[in-house]
Full PDB file with SEQRES, HELIX, SHEET, SSBOND, CRYST1, ORIGX, SCALE, CONECT and MASTER records, all heavy atoms in Angstrom:
SEQRES   1 A   31  SER VAL GLU ILE PRO ASP PRO ASP MET GLY GLY TYR LEU          
SEQRES   2 A   31  PHE TYR SER VAL ALA ASP LYS GLU GLN ASP ALA ILE PHE          
SEQRES   3 A   31  SER ASP THR LYS LEU                                          
HELIX    1 AA1 SER A   16  LYS A   30  1                                  15    
CRYST1    1.000    1.000    1.000  90.00  90.00  90.00 P 1           1          
ORIGX1      1.000000  0.000000  0.000000        0.00000                         
ORIGX2      0.000000  1.000000  0.000000        0.00000                         
ORIGX3      0.000000  0.000000  1.000000        0.00000                         
SCALE1      1.000000  0.000000  0.000000        0.00000                         
SCALE2      0.000000  1.000000  0.000000        0.00000                         
SCALE3      0.000000  0.000000  1.000000        0.00000                         
ATOM      1  N   SER A   1      79.317 101.815  98.486  1.00  0.00           N  
ATOM      2  CA  SER A   1      78.280 101.547  99.447  1.00  0.00           C  
ATOM      3  C   SER A   1      76.986 101.230  98.777  1.00  0.00           C  
ATOM      4  O   SER A   1      75.921 101.701  99.148  1.00  0.00           O  
ATOM      5  CB  SER A   1      78.134 102.717 100.435  1.00  0.00           C  
ATOM      6  OG  SER A   1      77.747 103.853  99.599  1.00  0.00           O  
ATOM      7  N   VAL A   2      77.070 100.406  97.723  1.00  0.00           N  
ATOM      8  CA  VAL A   2      75.882  99.996  96.972  1.00  0.00           C  
ATOM      9  C   VAL A   2      75.715  98.469  97.093  1.00  0.00           C  
ATOM     10  O   VAL A   2      76.699  97.819  97.331  1.00  0.00           O  
ATOM     11  CB  VAL A   2      75.875 100.458  95.476  1.00  0.00           C  
ATOM     12  CG1 VAL A   2      75.932 101.935  95.366  1.00  0.00           C  
ATOM     13  CG2 VAL A   2      77.069  99.833  94.754  1.00  0.00           C  
ATOM     14  N   GLU A   3      74.570  98.008  96.853  1.00  0.00           N  
ATOM     15  CA  GLU A   3      74.324  96.569  96.957  1.00  0.00           C  
ATOM     16  C   GLU A   3      74.881  95.889  95.751  1.00  0.00           C  
ATOM     17  O   GLU A   3      74.628  96.406  94.599  1.00  0.00           O  
ATOM     18  CB  GLU A   3      72.902  96.258  97.163  1.00  0.00           C  
ATOM     19  CG  GLU A   3      72.350  96.686  98.520  1.00  0.00           C  
ATOM     20  CD  GLU A   3      71.040  96.065  98.810  1.00  0.00           C  
ATOM     21  OE1 GLU A   3      70.651  95.013  98.237  1.00  0.00           O  
ATOM     22  OE2 GLU A   3      70.333  96.637  99.667  1.00  0.00           O  
ATOM     23  N   ILE A   4      75.482  94.779  95.855  1.00  0.00           N  
ATOM     24  CA  ILE A   4      76.054  94.009  94.780  1.00  0.00           C  
ATOM     25  C   ILE A   4      75.082  92.849  94.490  1.00  0.00           C  
ATOM     26  O   ILE A   4      74.669  92.194  95.402  1.00  0.00           O  
ATOM     27  CB  ILE A   4      77.390  93.373  95.157  1.00  0.00           C  
ATOM     28  CG1 ILE A   4      78.327  94.474  95.669  1.00  0.00           C  
ATOM     29  CG2 ILE A   4      78.000  92.608  93.984  1.00  0.00           C  
ATOM     30  CD1 ILE A   4      78.682  95.493  94.729  1.00  0.00           C  
ATOM     31  N   PRO A   5      74.660  92.759  93.204  1.00  0.00           N  
ATOM     32  CA  PRO A   5      73.785  91.619  92.884  1.00  0.00           C  
ATOM     33  C   PRO A   5      74.533  90.313  93.104  1.00  0.00           C  
ATOM     34  O   PRO A   5      75.737  90.209  92.940  1.00  0.00           O  
ATOM     35  CB  PRO A   5      73.483  91.824  91.393  1.00  0.00           C  
ATOM     36  CG  PRO A   5      74.453  92.818  90.879  1.00  0.00           C  
ATOM     37  CD  PRO A   5      74.986  93.548  92.038  1.00  0.00           C  
ATOM     38  N   ASP A   6      73.752  89.289  93.517  1.00  0.00           N  
ATOM     39  CA  ASP A   6      74.392  87.944  93.755  1.00  0.00           C  
ATOM     40  C   ASP A   6      74.852  87.409  92.398  1.00  0.00           C  
ATOM     41  O   ASP A   6      74.036  87.308  91.456  1.00  0.00           O  
ATOM     42  CB  ASP A   6      73.293  87.035  94.367  1.00  0.00           C  
ATOM     43  CG  ASP A   6      73.815  85.640  94.655  1.00  0.00           C  
ATOM     44  OD1 ASP A   6      74.927  85.309  94.193  1.00  0.00           O  
ATOM     45  OD2 ASP A   6      73.160  84.926  95.343  1.00  0.00           O  
ATOM     46  N   PRO A   7      76.133  87.071  92.260  1.00  0.00           N  
ATOM     47  CA  PRO A   7      76.659  86.596  90.994  1.00  0.00           C  
ATOM     48  C   PRO A   7      76.009  85.313  90.480  1.00  0.00           C  
ATOM     49  O   PRO A   7      76.190  85.000  89.313  1.00  0.00           O  
ATOM     50  CB  PRO A   7      78.163  86.460  91.217  1.00  0.00           C  
ATOM     51  CG  PRO A   7      78.330  86.351  92.682  1.00  0.00           C  
ATOM     52  CD  PRO A   7      77.128  87.119  93.314  1.00  0.00           C  
ATOM     53  N   ASP A   8      75.392  84.571  91.406  1.00  0.00           N  
ATOM     54  CA  ASP A   8      74.782  83.292  90.940  1.00  0.00           C  
ATOM     55  C   ASP A   8      73.336  83.476  90.517  1.00  0.00           C  
ATOM     56  O   ASP A   8      72.615  82.512  90.336  1.00  0.00           O  
ATOM     57  CB  ASP A   8      74.907  82.283  92.105  1.00  0.00           C  
ATOM     58  CG  ASP A   8      76.353  81.880  92.397  1.00  0.00           C  
ATOM     59  OD1 ASP A   8      77.111  81.904  91.400  1.00  0.00           O  
ATOM     60  OD2 ASP A   8      76.673  81.700  93.547  1.00  0.00           O  
ATOM     61  N   MET A   9      72.851  84.698  90.471  1.00  0.00           N  
ATOM     62  CA  MET A   9      71.417  84.963  90.188  1.00  0.00           C  
ATOM     63  C   MET A   9      71.202  85.237  88.741  1.00  0.00           C  
ATOM     64  O   MET A   9      70.173  85.868  88.419  1.00  0.00           O  
ATOM     65  CB  MET A   9      70.901  86.062  91.120  1.00  0.00           C  
ATOM     66  CG  MET A   9      70.908  85.741  92.585  1.00  0.00           C  
ATOM     67  SD  MET A   9      69.924  84.372  93.015  1.00  0.00           S  
ATOM     68  CE  MET A   9      68.291  85.009  92.703  1.00  0.00           C  
ATOM     69  N   GLY A  10      72.070  84.900  87.860  1.00  0.00           N  
ATOM     70  CA  GLY A  10      71.858  85.206  86.444  1.00  0.00           C  
ATOM     71  C   GLY A  10      72.325  86.629  86.132  1.00  0.00           C  
ATOM     72  O   GLY A  10      73.061  87.190  86.902  1.00  0.00           O  
ATOM     73  N   GLY A  11      71.984  87.133  84.999  1.00  0.00           N  
ATOM     74  CA  GLY A  11      72.348  88.467  84.609  1.00  0.00           C  
ATOM     75  C   GLY A  11      73.671  88.519  83.832  1.00  0.00           C  
ATOM     76  O   GLY A  11      73.700  88.066  82.706  1.00  0.00           O  
ATOM     77  N   TYR A  12      74.734  88.990  84.439  1.00  0.00           N  
ATOM     78  CA  TYR A  12      75.954  89.227  83.726  1.00  0.00           C  
ATOM     79  C   TYR A  12      77.154  88.937  84.610  1.00  0.00           C  
ATOM     80  O   TYR A  12      77.109  88.965  85.789  1.00  0.00           O  
ATOM     81  CB  TYR A  12      75.995  90.682  83.238  1.00  0.00           C  
ATOM     82  CG  TYR A  12      75.749  91.693  84.290  1.00  0.00           C  
ATOM     83  CD1 TYR A  12      76.781  92.201  85.036  1.00  0.00           C  
ATOM     84  CD2 TYR A  12      74.450  92.125  84.554  1.00  0.00           C  
ATOM     85  CE1 TYR A  12      76.542  93.169  86.048  1.00  0.00           C  
ATOM     86  CE2 TYR A  12      74.217  93.048  85.530  1.00  0.00           C  
ATOM     87  CZ  TYR A  12      75.233  93.547  86.293  1.00  0.00           C  
ATOM     88  OH  TYR A  12      75.032  94.511  87.312  1.00  0.00           O  
ATOM     89  N   LEU A  13      78.226  88.617  83.906  1.00  0.00           N  
ATOM     90  CA  LEU A  13      79.584  88.387  84.529  1.00  0.00           C  
ATOM     91  C   LEU A  13      80.639  89.225  83.824  1.00  0.00           C  
ATOM     92  O   LEU A  13      80.427  89.592  82.684  1.00  0.00           O  
ATOM     93  CB  LEU A  13      79.931  86.891  84.386  1.00  0.00           C  
ATOM     94  CG  LEU A  13      78.936  85.831  84.828  1.00  0.00           C  
ATOM     95  CD1 LEU A  13      79.455  84.472  84.443  1.00  0.00           C  
ATOM     96  CD2 LEU A  13      78.842  85.894  86.355  1.00  0.00           C  
ATOM     97  N   PHE A  14      81.680  89.553  84.599  1.00  0.00           N  
ATOM     98  CA  PHE A  14      82.762  90.336  84.068  1.00  0.00           C  
ATOM     99  C   PHE A  14      83.975  89.438  83.768  1.00  0.00           C  
ATOM    100  O   PHE A  14      84.369  88.695  84.635  1.00  0.00           O  
ATOM    101  CB  PHE A  14      83.151  91.476  84.967  1.00  0.00           C  
ATOM    102  CG  PHE A  14      82.305  92.626  84.956  1.00  0.00           C  
ATOM    103  CD1 PHE A  14      81.026  92.622  85.476  1.00  0.00           C  
ATOM    104  CD2 PHE A  14      82.739  93.796  84.470  1.00  0.00           C  
ATOM    105  CE1 PHE A  14      80.175  93.738  85.443  1.00  0.00           C  
ATOM    106  CE2 PHE A  14      81.939  94.932  84.371  1.00  0.00           C  
ATOM    107  CZ  PHE A  14      80.692  94.910  84.880  1.00  0.00           C  
ATOM    108  N   TYR A  15      84.526  89.596  82.584  1.00  0.00           N  
ATOM    109  CA  TYR A  15      85.890  89.030  82.358  1.00  0.00           C  
ATOM    110  C   TYR A  15      86.881  89.958  83.111  1.00  0.00           C  
ATOM    111  O   TYR A  15      86.503  91.115  83.381  1.00  0.00           O  
ATOM    112  CB  TYR A  15      86.200  89.035  80.842  1.00  0.00           C  
ATOM    113  CG  TYR A  15      85.504  87.879  80.097  1.00  0.00           C  
ATOM    114  CD1 TYR A  15      84.252  88.026  79.655  1.00  0.00           C  
ATOM    115  CD2 TYR A  15      86.214  86.730  79.852  1.00  0.00           C  
ATOM    116  CE1 TYR A  15      83.590  86.988  78.946  1.00  0.00           C  
ATOM    117  CE2 TYR A  15      85.594  85.675  79.176  1.00  0.00           C  
ATOM    118  CZ  TYR A  15      84.320  85.835  78.700  1.00  0.00           C  
ATOM    119  OH  TYR A  15      83.710  84.816  78.021  1.00  0.00           O  
ATOM    120  N   SER A  16      88.014  89.431  83.389  1.00  0.00           N  
ATOM    121  CA  SER A  16      88.945  90.158  84.280  1.00  0.00           C  
ATOM    122  C   SER A  16      89.339  91.538  83.655  1.00  0.00           C  
ATOM    123  O   SER A  16      89.452  92.564  84.357  1.00  0.00           O  
ATOM    124  CB  SER A  16      90.228  89.369  84.523  1.00  0.00           C  
ATOM    125  OG  SER A  16      90.876  89.069  83.378  1.00  0.00           O  
ATOM    126  N   VAL A  17      89.522  91.584  82.334  1.00  0.00           N  
ATOM    127  CA  VAL A  17      89.874  92.848  81.714  1.00  0.00           C  
ATOM    128  C   VAL A  17      88.822  93.938  81.865  1.00  0.00           C  
ATOM    129  O   VAL A  17      89.076  95.024  82.200  1.00  0.00           O  
ATOM    130  CB  VAL A  17      90.308  92.671  80.233  1.00  0.00           C  
ATOM    131  CG1 VAL A  17      89.163  92.266  79.361  1.00  0.00           C  
ATOM    132  CG2 VAL A  17      90.942  93.888  79.689  1.00  0.00           C  
ATOM    133  N   ALA A  18      87.544  93.524  81.768  1.00  0.00           N  
ATOM    134  CA  ALA A  18      86.395  94.434  81.940  1.00  0.00           C  
ATOM    135  C   ALA A  18      86.301  94.826  83.396  1.00  0.00           C  
ATOM    136  O   ALA A  18      85.968  95.973  83.716  1.00  0.00           O  
ATOM    137  CB  ALA A  18      85.120  93.826  81.442  1.00  0.00           C  
ATOM    138  N   ASP A  19      86.590  93.916  84.266  1.00  0.00           N  
ATOM    139  CA  ASP A  19      86.578  94.198  85.734  1.00  0.00           C  
ATOM    140  C   ASP A  19      87.579  95.274  86.057  1.00  0.00           C  
ATOM    141  O   ASP A  19      87.263  96.263  86.806  1.00  0.00           O  
ATOM    142  CB  ASP A  19      86.747  92.950  86.577  1.00  0.00           C  
ATOM    143  CG  ASP A  19      86.548  93.155  88.049  1.00  0.00           C  
ATOM    144  OD1 ASP A  19      85.536  93.738  88.442  1.00  0.00           O  
ATOM    145  OD2 ASP A  19      87.448  92.772  88.806  1.00  0.00           O  
ATOM    146  N   LYS A  20      88.768  95.154  85.499  1.00  0.00           N  
ATOM    147  CA  LYS A  20      89.819  96.167  85.758  1.00  0.00           C  
ATOM    148  C   LYS A  20      89.470  97.507  85.141  1.00  0.00           C  
ATOM    149  O   LYS A  20      89.695  98.553  85.701  1.00  0.00           O  
ATOM    150  CB  LYS A  20      91.168  95.655  85.150  1.00  0.00           C  
ATOM    151  CG  LYS A  20      91.777  94.536  85.994  1.00  0.00           C  
ATOM    152  CD  LYS A  20      92.998  93.981  85.305  1.00  0.00           C  
ATOM    153  CE  LYS A  20      93.486  92.763  86.050  1.00  0.00           C  
ATOM    154  NZ  LYS A  20      94.520  92.051  85.343  1.00  0.00           N  
ATOM    155  N   GLU A  21      88.798  97.472  83.987  1.00  0.00           N  
ATOM    156  CA  GLU A  21      88.386  98.736  83.365  1.00  0.00           C  
ATOM    157  C   GLU A  21      87.335  99.397  84.155  1.00  0.00           C  
ATOM    158  O   GLU A  21      87.277 100.669  84.315  1.00  0.00           O  
ATOM    159  CB  GLU A  21      87.919  98.474  81.896  1.00  0.00           C  
ATOM    160  CG  GLU A  21      89.037  98.089  81.002  1.00  0.00           C  
ATOM    161  CD  GLU A  21      88.630  97.437  79.673  1.00  0.00           C  
ATOM    162  OE1 GLU A  21      87.443  97.044  79.497  1.00  0.00           O  
ATOM    163  OE2 GLU A  21      89.510  97.320  78.801  1.00  0.00           O  
ATOM    164  N   GLN A  22      86.415  98.621  84.752  1.00  0.00           N  
ATOM    165  CA  GLN A  22      85.420  99.139  85.571  1.00  0.00           C  
ATOM    166  C   GLN A  22      86.017  99.844  86.845  1.00  0.00           C  
ATOM    167  O   GLN A  22      85.594 100.922  87.234  1.00  0.00           O  
ATOM    168  CB  GLN A  22      84.431  98.075  86.018  1.00  0.00           C  
ATOM    169  CG  GLN A  22      83.409  98.615  87.001  1.00  0.00           C  
ATOM    170  CD  GLN A  22      82.446  97.439  87.467  1.00  0.00           C  
ATOM    171  OE1 GLN A  22      81.317  97.646  87.489  1.00  0.00           O  
ATOM    172  NE2 GLN A  22      83.018  96.357  87.904  1.00  0.00           N  
ATOM    173  N   ASP A  23      87.011  99.178  87.445  1.00  0.00           N  
ATOM    174  CA  ASP A  23      87.706  99.807  88.562  1.00  0.00           C  
ATOM    175  C   ASP A  23      88.389 101.124  88.120  1.00  0.00           C  
ATOM    176  O   ASP A  23      88.326 102.135  88.895  1.00  0.00           O  
ATOM    177  CB  ASP A  23      88.848  98.874  89.112  1.00  0.00           C  
ATOM    178  CG  ASP A  23      88.221  97.651  89.806  1.00  0.00           C  
ATOM    179  OD1 ASP A  23      87.028  97.688  90.136  1.00  0.00           O  
ATOM    180  OD2 ASP A  23      89.003  96.685  90.005  1.00  0.00           O  
ATOM    181  N   ALA A  24      88.963 101.161  86.944  1.00  0.00           N  
ATOM    182  CA  ALA A  24      89.598 102.399  86.444  1.00  0.00           C  
ATOM    183  C   ALA A  24      88.529 103.501  86.243  1.00  0.00           C  
ATOM    184  O   ALA A  24      88.802 104.672  86.480  1.00  0.00           O  
ATOM    185  CB  ALA A  24      90.332 102.114  85.194  1.00  0.00           C  
ATOM    186  N   ILE A  25      87.433 103.115  85.744  1.00  0.00           N  
ATOM    187  CA  ILE A  25      86.329 104.078  85.480  1.00  0.00           C  
ATOM    188  C   ILE A  25      85.955 104.702  86.798  1.00  0.00           C  
ATOM    189  O   ILE A  25      85.752 105.911  86.994  1.00  0.00           O  
ATOM    190  CB  ILE A  25      85.100 103.451  84.821  1.00  0.00           C  
ATOM    191  CG1 ILE A  25      85.439 103.093  83.343  1.00  0.00           C  
ATOM    192  CG2 ILE A  25      83.872 104.353  84.886  1.00  0.00           C  
ATOM    193  CD1 ILE A  25      84.424 102.164  82.702  1.00  0.00           C  
ATOM    194  N   PHE A  26      85.754 103.845  87.868  1.00  0.00           N  
ATOM    195  CA  PHE A  26      85.412 104.342  89.185  1.00  0.00           C  
ATOM    196  C   PHE A  26      86.453 105.275  89.713  1.00  0.00           C  
ATOM    197  O   PHE A  26      86.166 106.415  90.191  1.00  0.00           O  
ATOM    198  CB  PHE A  26      85.180 103.165  90.147  1.00  0.00           C  
ATOM    199  CG  PHE A  26      84.858 103.652  91.523  1.00  0.00           C  
ATOM    200  CD1 PHE A  26      83.525 104.024  91.847  1.00  0.00           C  
ATOM    201  CD2 PHE A  26      85.779 103.766  92.494  1.00  0.00           C  
ATOM    202  CE1 PHE A  26      83.224 104.444  93.123  1.00  0.00           C  
ATOM    203  CE2 PHE A  26      85.477 104.248  93.748  1.00  0.00           C  
ATOM    204  CZ  PHE A  26      84.170 104.609  94.099  1.00  0.00           C  
ATOM    205  N   SER A  27      87.725 104.876  89.632  1.00  0.00           N  
ATOM    206  CA  SER A  27      88.817 105.671  90.190  1.00  0.00           C  
ATOM    207  C   SER A  27      88.937 106.983  89.470  1.00  0.00           C  
ATOM    208  O   SER A  27      89.098 108.030  90.119  1.00  0.00           O  
ATOM    209  CB  SER A  27      90.153 104.922  90.090  1.00  0.00           C  
ATOM    210  OG  SER A  27      90.132 103.743  90.894  1.00  0.00           O  
ATOM    211  N   ASP A  28      88.925 106.942  88.154  1.00  0.00           N  
ATOM    212  CA  ASP A  28      89.016 108.257  87.343  1.00  0.00           C  
ATOM    213  C   ASP A  28      87.851 109.164  87.638  1.00  0.00           C  
ATOM    214  O   ASP A  28      88.022 110.355  87.803  1.00  0.00           O  
ATOM    215  CB  ASP A  28      89.055 107.904  85.850  1.00  0.00           C  
ATOM    216  CG  ASP A  28      90.340 107.181  85.477  1.00  0.00           C  
ATOM    217  OD1 ASP A  28      91.303 107.113  86.279  1.00  0.00           O  
ATOM    218  OD2 ASP A  28      90.359 106.587  84.323  1.00  0.00           O  
ATOM    219  N   THR A  29      86.637 108.577  87.728  1.00  0.00           N  
ATOM    220  CA  THR A  29      85.453 109.467  88.021  1.00  0.00           C  
ATOM    221  C   THR A  29      85.557 110.026  89.430  1.00  0.00           C  
ATOM    222  O   THR A  29      85.201 111.174  89.634  1.00  0.00           O  
ATOM    223  CB  THR A  29      84.144 108.597  87.838  1.00  0.00           C  
ATOM    224  OG1 THR A  29      84.163 108.062  86.534  1.00  0.00           O  
ATOM    225  CG2 THR A  29      82.943 109.470  87.978  1.00  0.00           C  
ATOM    226  N   LYS A  30      86.027 109.230  90.343  1.00  0.00           N  
ATOM    227  CA  LYS A  30      86.142 109.671  91.725  1.00  0.00           C  
ATOM    228  C   LYS A  30      87.142 110.857  91.794  1.00  0.00           C  
ATOM    229  O   LYS A  30      86.886 111.820  92.505  1.00  0.00           O  
ATOM    230  CB  LYS A  30      86.556 108.502  92.621  1.00  0.00           C  
ATOM    231  CG  LYS A  30      86.672 108.891  94.089  1.00  0.00           C  
ATOM    232  CD  LYS A  30      87.075 107.704  94.974  1.00  0.00           C  
ATOM    233  CE  LYS A  30      87.261 108.188  96.386  1.00  0.00           C  
ATOM    234  NZ  LYS A  30      87.740 107.002  97.225  1.00  0.00           N  
ATOM    235  N   LEU A  31      88.271 110.663  91.113  1.00  0.00           N  
ATOM    236  CA  LEU A  31      89.281 111.739  91.181  1.00  0.00           C  
ATOM    237  C   LEU A  31      88.748 113.052  90.575  1.00  0.00           C  
ATOM    238  O   LEU A  31      89.059 114.118  91.041  1.00  0.00           O  
ATOM    239  CB  LEU A  31      90.539 111.286  90.426  1.00  0.00           C  
ATOM    240  CG  LEU A  31      91.412 110.358  91.132  1.00  0.00           C  
ATOM    241  CD1 LEU A  31      92.545 109.841  90.236  1.00  0.00           C  
ATOM    242  CD2 LEU A  31      92.037 110.997  92.408  1.00  0.00           C  
TER     243      LEU A  31                                                      
MASTER        0    0    0    1    0    0    0    6  242    1    0    3          
END                                                                             
């Protein structure tokens, strides 16, 4: 429930492997 930065506004992008790792970090931390 947090705001997501607009991906077209500069900043940073995730490669798919890092995106999956981020999901795992969230899931592990939540558990």
